Amino acid sequence: MLRLATASLAGTAIEFYDFFVYGTAAALVLGPLFFPSFSPLAGTLAAFATFAVGFLARPLGSVVFGHIGDRYGRRPVLLGSLLLTGAATVAVGCVPTYDSIGVAAPFLLLLLRFLQGLGLGGEWGGAVLLTAEHAPERRRGLWSSFPQIGPSVGFLLANGIILALSALLSDAQFTSWGWRVPFWAAGLLALAGLWLRRTVEETPQFRELAASGSRAQAPLAEVVRGHWRLVLLTGGALAVGYASFYAVTTWSLAYATERLGVGRTTVLGCIMAAVAVMGVATPLMAVLADRYGRRPLCLIGCAASALWMFPLVALMRTADPVLMVLGFTVALIGMVTMFSVVGAYLPELYPPRIRCTGAAVGYNLGGVLGGALTPIVATALADGAGPPWGVAVYLSAIGLLSLGCFALLPETAPALLRTRTGAAESAAPA
């Protein structure tokens, strides 16, 4: 299990590195380089719009790779998604700017961001099923949290490289060519990930499906026909986690540097400190989920996220690094209380024959609802001299929506369900 979980974590970290390095670049440099005729605000909005395209592509990627995973196995998904995302990320680092090729530059950026999202949409389903379907029942939450640590590792790696470049290069050098280096590094990381995953075995549950001839012929059709309500509920439930994460890691970076005058290196350092705490907390929360259930932790995380958005904005407005770290950290702890358990929770909601498609589509639908729009909406709402309380209202509203969706979802923790069933049977009249 440790070898499988490590391979899953490494690949997920690499793919999220690819995805996050684009978000940081969008907040810092892509606006003036690819949309130079826009005002600073409009350029940032346009850069965030290309960022959002990656989220719009993720559900499509989960359909394509989910079909492969349910029909041909989880292992091909792990390799194909990593290769696609890595190639698209390297290509982003090679795209000439608007000054060189005109309108073709933002078009190519948009296309490559779409391919990034397509690959990442398939990665998550394959990675979590690799661990969830191999894991012992009573520790499924813990082992399935390893892919969920991947986003923290990927974010720290992406922003660590950008932070180092920001410190070593002048603003002119970073804007000219330095921002491209993290994208080029994705090629080496993708090769390392493929090497780690080359010996990964197919999961026992898929082998049983293949041997019995009970694989789904049209997984998406089965999901839509029999589980559409579940997909919508899981998408709505996960929206606040995405919104919280990208409000902290993408919108706040642009807002603090452009509107509050905080140095780029300082803001990146604050965000990275909060993400590091989030990564450490992920397996700890997953252990609690194995003991107390998936649903209670998700409800607690949603409630905490909805309540913390106003303090988050107030602490960020101080421009004090210590207070900013506090605001970011609590927001991400609320987020990871939910996301630490979904690697086990979502697959348990679906039958094995359509699990790769159903779990991945629901997960990535949450990305569209919460991640794609948050940097754009937050940037627009913060267009004023005063505190951006509109951003806090928007994020809190998403938190309440997600809380309602989680309240309608069932518990799935096997040990907890057996305990309840046994208690019910012993209490029944003879």
Protein backbone atom coordinates (compact mmCIF):
# COMPACT_ATOMS: atom_id res chain seq x y z
CA MET A 1 0.00 0.00 0.00
CA LEU A 2 2.83 2.41 0.79
CA ARG A 3 4.37 1.91 -2.66
CA LEU A 4 1.00 2.33 -4.40
CA ALA A 5 0.07 5.35 -2.34
CA THR A 6 3.45 6.98 -2.98
CA ALA A 7 3.12 6.48 -6.74
CA SER A 8 -0.38 7.93 -6.59
CA LEU A 9 0.74 10.93 -4.53
CA ALA A 10 3.74 11.63 -6.77
CA GLY A 11 1.72 11.61 -9.97
CA THR A 12 -1.03 13.76 -8.51
CA ALA A 13 1.53 16.23 -7.16
CA ILE A 14 3.14 16.52 -10.59
CA GLU A 15 -0.18 17.07 -12.38
CA PHE A 16 -1.33 19.66 -9.85
CA TYR A 17 2.08 21.33 -10.15
CA ASP A 18 1.29 21.77 -13.84
CA PHE A 19 -2.16 23.18 -13.05
CA PHE A 20 -1.06 25.51 -10.24
CA VAL A 21 1.96 26.99 -11.96
CA TYR A 22 -0.43 28.38 -14.56
CA GLY A 23 -2.66 29.92 -11.87
CA THR A 24 0.28 31.70 -10.25
CA ALA A 25 1.56 32.94 -13.60
CA ALA A 26 -1.96 34.17 -14.45
CA ALA A 27 -2.03 36.20 -11.24
CA LEU A 28 1.44 37.69 -11.79
CA VAL A 29 2.44 38.09 -15.44
CA LEU A 30 0.12 36.60 -18.07
CA GLY A 31 -2.22 39.61 -18.23
CA PRO A 32 0.29 42.20 -19.51
CA LEU A 33 2.17 39.65 -21.67
CA PHE A 34 -0.82 38.17 -23.49
CA PHE A 35 -3.45 40.91 -23.16
CA PRO A 36 -1.35 44.11 -23.33
CA SER A 37 -4.09 46.32 -24.79
CA PHE A 38 -6.29 45.78 -21.73
CA SER A 39 -6.26 47.85 -18.56
CA PRO A 40 -4.47 46.21 -15.60
CA LEU A 41 -7.80 45.04 -14.13
CA ALA A 42 -9.13 43.80 -17.47
CA GLY A 43 -5.82 42.07 -18.22
CA THR A 44 -5.95 40.20 -14.92
CA LEU A 45 -9.57 39.22 -15.57
CA ALA A 46 -8.65 37.97 -19.05
CA ALA A 47 -5.75 35.93 -17.64
CA PHE A 48 -8.08 34.44 -15.03
CA ALA A 49 -10.55 33.62 -17.82
CA THR A 50 -7.92 31.44 -19.50
CA PHE A 51 -7.28 29.96 -16.04
CA ALA A 52 -11.01 29.09 -15.80
CA VAL A 53 -10.92 27.21 -19.12
CA GLY A 54 -8.84 24.52 -17.42
CA PHE A 55 -11.68 23.91 -14.99
CA LEU A 56 -14.27 23.80 -17.76
CA ALA A 57 -12.19 21.11 -19.48
CA ARG A 58 -11.86 18.97 -16.34
CA PRO A 59 -15.37 17.40 -16.44
CA LEU A 60 -14.78 16.51 -20.10
CA GLY A 61 -11.47 14.93 -19.10
CA SER A 62 -13.22 12.96 -16.37
CA VAL A 63 -15.71 11.65 -18.95
CA VAL A 64 -13.01 10.64 -21.44
CA PHE A 65 -10.59 9.13 -18.94
CA GLY A 66 -13.45 7.84 -16.78
CA HIS A 67 -14.66 5.79 -19.74
CA ILE A 68 -11.15 4.39 -20.15
CA GLY A 69 -10.91 3.66 -16.43
CA ASP A 70 -14.26 1.86 -16.26
CA ARG A 71 -13.82 -0.03 -19.52
CA TYR A 72 -10.08 -0.76 -19.75
CA GLY A 73 -8.68 -0.25 -16.26
CA ARG A 74 -7.51 2.38 -13.80
CA ARG A 75 -3.82 2.01 -14.74
CA PRO A 76 -4.06 3.41 -18.32
CA VAL A 77 -5.72 6.52 -16.88
CA LEU A 78 -2.75 7.18 -14.61
CA LEU A 79 -0.27 7.10 -17.48
CA GLY A 80 -2.29 8.87 -20.18
CA SER A 81 -3.45 11.79 -18.04
CA LEU A 82 0.06 12.48 -16.74
CA LEU A 83 1.54 12.48 -20.24
CA LEU A 84 -1.13 14.85 -21.62
CA THR A 85 -0.92 17.36 -18.79
CA GLY A 86 2.88 17.40 -18.78
CA ALA A 87 3.14 17.96 -22.53
CA ALA A 88 0.59 20.80 -22.47
CA THR A 89 2.39 22.52 -19.58
CA VAL A 90 5.79 22.45 -21.30
CA ALA A 91 4.13 23.89 -24.40
CA VAL A 92 2.71 26.83 -22.39
CA GLY A 93 6.28 27.80 -21.54
CA CYS A 94 7.10 27.93 -25.25
CA VAL A 95 4.19 30.13 -26.43
CA PRO A 96 5.37 33.51 -27.80
CA THR A 97 3.77 36.59 -26.26
CA TYR A 98 1.26 38.95 -27.86
CA ASP A 99 4.04 41.29 -29.00
CA SER A 100 5.53 38.44 -31.10
CA ILE A 101 2.53 36.73 -32.74
CA GLY A 102 -0.47 38.89 -31.92
CA VAL A 103 -3.88 37.33 -31.20
CA ALA A 104 -2.50 33.84 -31.86
CA ALA A 105 -0.72 34.05 -28.48
CA PRO A 106 -3.82 34.14 -26.22
CA PHE A 107 -5.50 31.59 -28.50
CA LEU A 108 -2.64 29.11 -28.04
CA LEU A 109 -2.64 29.82 -24.32
CA LEU A 110 -6.35 29.01 -24.20
CA LEU A 111 -5.91 25.77 -26.15
CA LEU A 112 -3.05 24.53 -23.98
CA ARG A 113 -4.90 25.42 -20.78
CA PHE A 114 -7.83 23.36 -22.08
CA LEU A 115 -5.53 20.36 -22.62
CA GLN A 116 -4.10 20.81 -19.11
CA GLY A 117 -7.60 20.64 -17.67
CA LEU A 118 -8.47 17.64 -19.81
CA GLY A 119 -5.53 15.69 -18.40
CA LEU A 120 -6.11 16.72 -14.79
CA GLY A 121 -9.78 15.81 -15.09
CA GLY A 122 -8.72 12.22 -15.70
CA GLU A 123 -5.87 12.12 -13.19
CA TRP A 124 -7.90 12.42 -10.00
CA GLY A 125 -10.24 9.49 -10.70
CA GLY A 126 -7.42 7.13 -11.59
CA ALA A 127 -5.24 8.16 -8.65
CA VAL A 128 -7.86 7.85 -5.93
CA LEU A 129 -9.19 4.54 -7.25
CA LEU A 130 -5.66 3.15 -7.30
CA THR A 131 -5.48 3.63 -3.53
CA ALA A 132 -9.17 3.24 -2.59
CA GLU A 133 -9.60 -0.09 -4.37
CA HIS A 134 -6.35 -1.52 -2.99
CA ALA A 135 -6.74 -0.21 0.56
CA PRO A 136 -7.93 -2.26 3.54
CA GLU A 137 -11.46 -1.27 4.44
CA ARG A 138 -10.76 0.20 7.88
CA ARG A 139 -7.92 2.40 6.59
CA ARG A 140 -9.42 3.39 3.25
CA GLY A 141 -9.79 7.02 4.29
CA LEU A 142 -6.13 7.27 5.29
CA TRP A 143 -4.67 5.61 2.19
CA SER A 144 -7.06 7.47 -0.13
CA SER A 145 -5.87 10.75 1.35
CA PHE A 146 -2.44 10.32 -0.23
CA PRO A 147 -3.60 11.61 -3.65
CA GLN A 148 -5.21 14.51 -1.77
CA ILE A 149 -1.80 15.48 -0.38
CA GLY A 150 -0.65 15.82 -4.01
CA PRO A 151 -2.21 19.27 -4.55
CA SER A 152 -0.32 20.66 -1.54
CA VAL A 153 2.98 19.20 -2.74
CA GLY A 154 2.35 20.37 -6.30
CA PHE A 155 1.46 23.87 -5.15
CA LEU A 156 4.53 24.17 -2.93
CA LEU A 157 6.77 22.90 -5.70
CA ALA A 158 5.30 25.25 -8.32
CA ASN A 159 5.36 28.32 -6.13
CA GLY A 160 8.71 27.44 -4.57
CA ILE A 161 10.27 27.59 -8.02
CA ILE A 162 8.50 30.87 -8.81
CA LEU A 163 9.49 32.29 -5.42
CA ALA A 164 13.13 31.39 -6.04
CA LEU A 165 13.05 32.95 -9.50
CA SER A 166 11.41 36.09 -8.13
CA ALA A 167 14.17 36.42 -5.56
CA LEU A 168 17.03 35.72 -7.99
CA LEU A 169 15.83 37.66 -11.04
CA SER A 170 14.92 41.27 -11.58
CA ASP A 171 11.31 42.11 -12.47
CA ALA A 172 12.37 42.64 -16.09
CA GLN A 173 14.12 39.26 -16.28
CA PHE A 174 11.21 37.44 -14.62
CA THR A 175 8.71 39.04 -17.00
CA SER A 176 10.91 38.42 -20.04
CA TRP A 177 11.79 34.74 -19.58
CA GLY A 178 11.87 33.73 -15.92
CA TRP A 179 8.16 32.90 -15.73
CA ARG A 180 8.66 30.23 -18.43
CA VAL A 181 11.15 28.14 -16.41
CA PRO A 182 8.54 26.44 -14.14
CA PHE A 183 6.59 25.36 -17.23
CA TRP A 184 9.67 23.83 -18.83
CA ALA A 185 10.47 22.00 -15.59
CA ALA A 186 7.13 20.18 -15.95
CA GLY A 187 8.66 18.00 -18.65
CA LEU A 188 11.25 16.51 -16.29
CA LEU A 189 8.61 16.05 -13.59
CA ALA A 190 6.29 14.24 -16.00
CA LEU A 191 9.05 11.81 -16.97
CA ALA A 192 9.76 11.15 -13.29
CA GLY A 193 6.06 10.49 -12.67
CA LEU A 194 5.80 8.07 -15.57
CA TRP A 195 8.83 6.18 -14.24
CA LEU A 196 7.24 5.91 -10.78
CA ARG A 197 3.96 4.62 -12.20
CA ARG A 198 5.38 2.16 -14.71
CA THR A 199 4.99 -0.85 -12.39
CA VAL A 200 1.65 0.05 -10.81
CA GLU A 201 -0.71 -2.94 -10.73
CA GLU A 202 -4.35 -2.89 -11.77
CA THR A 203 -6.81 -2.71 -8.84
CA PRO A 204 -8.44 -5.92 -7.51
CA GLN A 205 -11.97 -4.63 -8.03
CA PHE A 206 -11.40 -3.84 -11.69
CA ARG A 207 -9.78 -7.24 -12.23
CA GLU A 208 -12.91 -8.84 -10.75
CA LEU A 209 -15.13 -6.78 -13.04
CA ALA A 210 -13.08 -7.78 -16.09
CA ALA A 211 -13.05 -11.46 -15.13
CA SER A 212 -16.81 -11.57 -14.56
CA GLY A 213 -17.63 -9.66 -17.75
CA SER A 214 -19.61 -7.03 -15.81
CA ARG A 215 -17.79 -3.89 -16.97
CA ALA A 216 -20.03 -1.02 -18.01
CA GLN A 217 -20.47 -0.66 -21.76
CA ALA A 218 -21.35 3.04 -21.56
CA PRO A 219 -20.27 4.34 -18.12
CA LEU A 220 -21.39 7.94 -18.67
CA ALA A 221 -24.85 6.86 -19.82
CA GLU A 222 -25.24 4.74 -16.68
CA VAL A 223 -24.11 7.61 -14.48
CA VAL A 224 -26.51 10.08 -16.10
CA ARG A 225 -29.40 7.65 -16.12
CA GLY A 226 -29.11 6.28 -12.61
CA HIS A 227 -26.95 8.67 -10.60
CA TRP A 228 -27.46 12.19 -11.98
CA ARG A 229 -28.73 13.51 -8.65
CA LEU A 230 -25.66 12.15 -6.87
CA VAL A 231 -23.33 13.82 -9.39
CA LEU A 232 -25.04 17.20 -8.91
CA LEU A 233 -24.98 16.90 -5.13
CA THR A 234 -21.28 15.98 -5.00
CA GLY A 235 -20.42 18.79 -7.41
CA GLY A 236 -22.30 21.32 -5.29
CA ALA A 237 -20.86 19.89 -2.09
CA LEU A 238 -17.25 20.27 -3.22
CA ALA A 239 -17.68 23.77 -4.68
CA VAL A 240 -16.74 25.59 -1.46
CA GLY A 241 -13.48 23.65 -1.15
CA TYR A 242 -12.40 24.77 -4.59
CA ALA A 243 -13.61 28.32 -3.96
CA SER A 244 -11.67 28.57 -0.69
CA PHE A 245 -8.49 27.16 -2.17
CA TYR A 246 -8.39 29.38 -5.24
CA ALA A 247 -9.49 32.46 -3.32
CA VAL A 248 -6.41 31.97 -1.14
CA THR A 249 -3.90 30.76 -3.71
CA THR A 250 -4.86 32.71 -6.84
CA TRP A 251 -7.16 35.68 -6.18
CA SER A 252 -5.44 36.82 -2.98
CA LEU A 253 -2.06 36.75 -4.75
CA ALA A 254 -3.28 39.15 -7.41
CA TYR A 255 -5.23 41.32 -4.94
CA ALA A 256 -2.46 41.65 -2.37
CA THR A 257 0.23 42.51 -4.91
CA GLU A 258 -1.84 44.83 -7.12
CA ARG A 259 -4.19 46.50 -4.62
CA LEU A 260 -2.47 46.30 -1.23
CA GLY A 261 1.08 46.82 -2.49
CA VAL A 262 2.47 43.75 -0.72
CA GLY A 263 5.58 42.31 -2.36
CA ARG A 264 5.18 39.27 -4.59
CA THR A 265 7.71 37.28 -2.58
CA THR A 266 5.97 38.08 0.70
CA VAL A 267 2.53 37.03 -0.50
CA LEU A 268 3.82 33.82 -2.06
CA GLY A 269 5.60 33.00 1.19
CA CYS A 270 2.41 33.54 3.21
CA ILE A 271 0.36 31.34 0.90
CA MET A 272 2.99 28.60 0.83
CA ALA A 273 3.12 28.50 4.65
CA ALA A 274 -0.65 27.98 4.77
CA VAL A 275 -0.56 25.29 2.07
CA ALA A 276 2.22 23.44 3.94
CA VAL A 277 0.00 23.26 7.03
CA MET A 278 -2.85 22.03 4.84
CA GLY A 279 -0.70 19.22 3.47
CA VAL A 280 0.30 18.05 6.96
CA ALA A 281 -3.34 18.17 8.14
CA THR A 282 -4.65 16.08 5.24
CA PRO A 283 -3.80 12.56 6.52
CA LEU A 284 -4.72 13.56 10.08
CA MET A 285 -8.23 14.50 8.99
CA ALA A 286 -8.47 11.29 6.97
CA VAL A 287 -7.72 9.22 10.09
CA LEU A 288 -10.63 10.97 11.82
CA ALA A 289 -12.84 10.12 8.84
CA ASP A 290 -12.03 6.43 9.21
CA ARG A 291 -13.08 6.61 12.84
CA TYR A 292 -16.02 9.00 12.84
CA GLY A 293 -17.28 8.87 9.27
CA ARG A 294 -16.89 10.85 6.04
CA ARG A 295 -20.02 12.99 6.26
CA PRO A 296 -19.44 14.61 9.71
CA LEU A 297 -16.04 15.95 8.70
CA CYS A 298 -17.44 17.32 5.45
CA LEU A 299 -20.23 19.14 7.29
CA ILE A 300 -17.77 20.61 9.81
CA GLY A 301 -15.45 21.75 7.03
CA CYS A 302 -18.28 23.44 5.11
CA ALA A 303 -19.58 25.26 8.18
CA ALA A 304 -16.09 26.44 9.12
CA SER A 305 -15.45 27.68 5.58
CA ALA A 306 -18.71 29.64 5.43
CA LEU A 307 -18.02 31.30 8.79
CA TRP A 308 -14.37 32.19 8.12
CA MET A 309 -14.69 34.16 4.88
CA PHE A 310 -15.25 37.56 6.53
CA PRO A 311 -12.31 37.15 8.95
CA LEU A 312 -10.21 35.99 5.99
CA VAL A 313 -10.85 39.22 4.07
CA ALA A 314 -10.29 41.36 7.18
CA LEU A 315 -6.96 39.69 7.99
CA MET A 316 -5.75 39.93 4.40
CA ARG A 317 -6.59 43.65 4.29
CA THR A 318 -4.14 44.33 7.12
CA ALA A 319 -1.25 43.43 4.76
CA ASP A 320 0.50 42.07 7.84
CA PRO A 321 2.27 38.81 6.83
CA VAL A 322 1.57 37.08 10.17
CA LEU A 323 -2.14 37.90 10.06
CA MET A 324 -2.34 36.96 6.38
CA VAL A 325 -0.82 33.55 7.15
CA LEU A 326 -3.40 33.08 9.92
CA GLY A 327 -6.28 33.95 7.59
CA PHE A 328 -5.03 31.72 4.80
CA THR A 329 -4.25 28.79 7.11
CA VAL A 330 -7.65 28.63 8.80
CA ALA A 331 -9.39 28.89 5.41
CA LEU A 332 -7.36 25.99 4.02
CA ILE A 333 -7.86 23.87 7.16
CA GLY A 334 -11.62 24.21 6.65
CA MET A 335 -11.17 23.22 3.02
CA VAL A 336 -8.97 20.19 3.72
CA THR A 337 -11.33 18.91 6.43
CA MET A 338 -13.61 18.10 3.49
CA PHE A 339 -11.10 17.28 0.79
CA SER A 340 -9.01 14.92 2.91
CA VAL A 341 -11.90 12.44 2.91
CA VAL A 342 -13.34 12.72 -0.60
CA GLY A 343 -10.74 10.31 -2.02
CA ALA A 344 -12.56 7.58 -0.10
CA TYR A 345 -16.01 9.18 0.07
CA LEU A 346 -16.76 9.72 -3.61
CA PRO A 347 -15.70 6.24 -4.82
CA GLU A 348 -17.79 4.67 -2.03
CA LEU A 349 -20.87 6.49 -3.33
CA TYR A 350 -20.75 4.72 -6.72
CA PRO A 351 -20.80 1.03 -7.73
CA PRO A 352 -17.41 -0.25 -9.04
CA ARG A 353 -18.53 -0.60 -12.66
CA ILE A 354 -19.06 3.17 -13.08
CA ARG A 355 -16.92 4.43 -10.20
CA CYS A 356 -14.15 6.01 -12.24
CA THR A 357 -16.60 8.08 -14.29
CA GLY A 358 -19.09 8.97 -11.54
CA ALA A 359 -16.60 9.98 -8.86
CA ALA A 360 -14.42 11.98 -11.28
CA VAL A 361 -17.31 13.84 -12.93
CA GLY A 362 -18.75 14.86 -9.55
CA TYR A 363 -15.34 15.94 -8.27
CA ASN A 364 -14.53 18.03 -11.34
CA LEU A 365 -18.01 19.53 -11.54
CA GLY A 366 -17.23 21.01 -8.13
CA GLY A 367 -14.13 22.54 -9.73
CA VAL A 368 -16.27 24.29 -12.34
CA LEU A 369 -18.72 25.62 -9.76
CA GLY A 370 -16.17 26.71 -7.20
CA GLY A 371 -12.76 27.00 -8.84
CA ALA A 372 -13.34 28.32 -12.36
CA LEU A 373 -15.33 31.41 -11.41
CA THR A 374 -13.89 32.38 -8.04
CA PRO A 375 -10.78 34.33 -9.22
CA ILE A 376 -12.86 36.14 -11.88
CA VAL A 377 -15.83 36.96 -9.63
CA ALA A 378 -13.62 37.90 -6.69
CA THR A 379 -11.46 40.20 -8.82
CA ALA A 380 -14.58 41.94 -10.18
CA LEU A 381 -16.16 42.27 -6.71
CA ALA A 382 -12.94 43.70 -5.24
CA ASP A 383 -12.83 46.55 -7.79
CA GLY A 384 -13.06 49.42 -5.33
CA ALA A 385 -11.15 51.32 -2.69
CA GLY A 386 -12.79 49.73 0.34
CA PRO A 387 -12.54 46.22 1.81
CA PRO A 388 -13.81 43.55 -0.61
CA TRP A 389 -16.70 42.38 1.56
CA GLY A 390 -18.54 41.32 -1.57
CA VAL A 391 -15.93 38.59 -1.98
CA ALA A 392 -16.65 37.34 1.55
CA VAL A 393 -20.40 37.30 0.85
CA TYR A 394 -19.84 35.35 -2.37
CA LEU A 395 -17.59 32.76 -0.71
CA SER A 396 -19.89 32.36 2.30
CA ALA A 397 -22.85 31.79 -0.01
CA ILE A 398 -20.95 29.00 -1.77
CA GLY A 399 -20.19 27.53 1.66
CA LEU A 400 -23.87 27.42 2.56
CA LEU A 401 -24.70 25.80 -0.79
CA SER A 402 -22.09 23.10 -0.19
CA LEU A 403 -23.30 22.56 3.37
CA GLY A 404 -26.81 21.87 2.07
CA CYS A 405 -25.52 19.43 -0.53
CA PHE A 406 -23.41 17.48 1.98
CA ALA A 407 -26.43 17.30 4.30
CA LEU A 408 -28.31 15.39 1.57
CA LEU A 409 -25.51 12.86 0.97
CA PRO A 410 -25.35 9.56 2.90
CA GLU A 411 -22.61 8.19 5.13
CA THR A 412 -20.41 5.57 3.45
CA ALA A 413 -17.67 4.62 5.96
CA PRO A 414 -17.88 0.77 5.99
CA ALA A 415 -16.98 0.26 9.65
CA LEU A 416 -19.44 2.93 10.79
CA LEU A 417 -22.23 1.50 8.64
CA ARG A 418 -21.67 -1.98 10.07
CA THR A 419 -21.76 -0.64 13.61
CA ARG A 420 -25.07 1.10 12.96
CA THR A 421 -26.52 -1.97 11.26
CA GLY A 422 -25.48 -4.21 14.15
CA ALA A 423 -26.96 -1.81 16.71
CA ALA A 424 -30.24 -1.67 14.76
CA GLU A 425 -30.47 -5.45 14.58
CA SER A 426 -29.79 -5.92 18.29
CA ALA A 427 -32.43 -3.34 19.13
CA ALA A 428 -35.08 -4.94 16.89
CA PRO A 429 -37.83 -6.98 18.70
CA ALA A 430 -37.39 -10.75 18.60
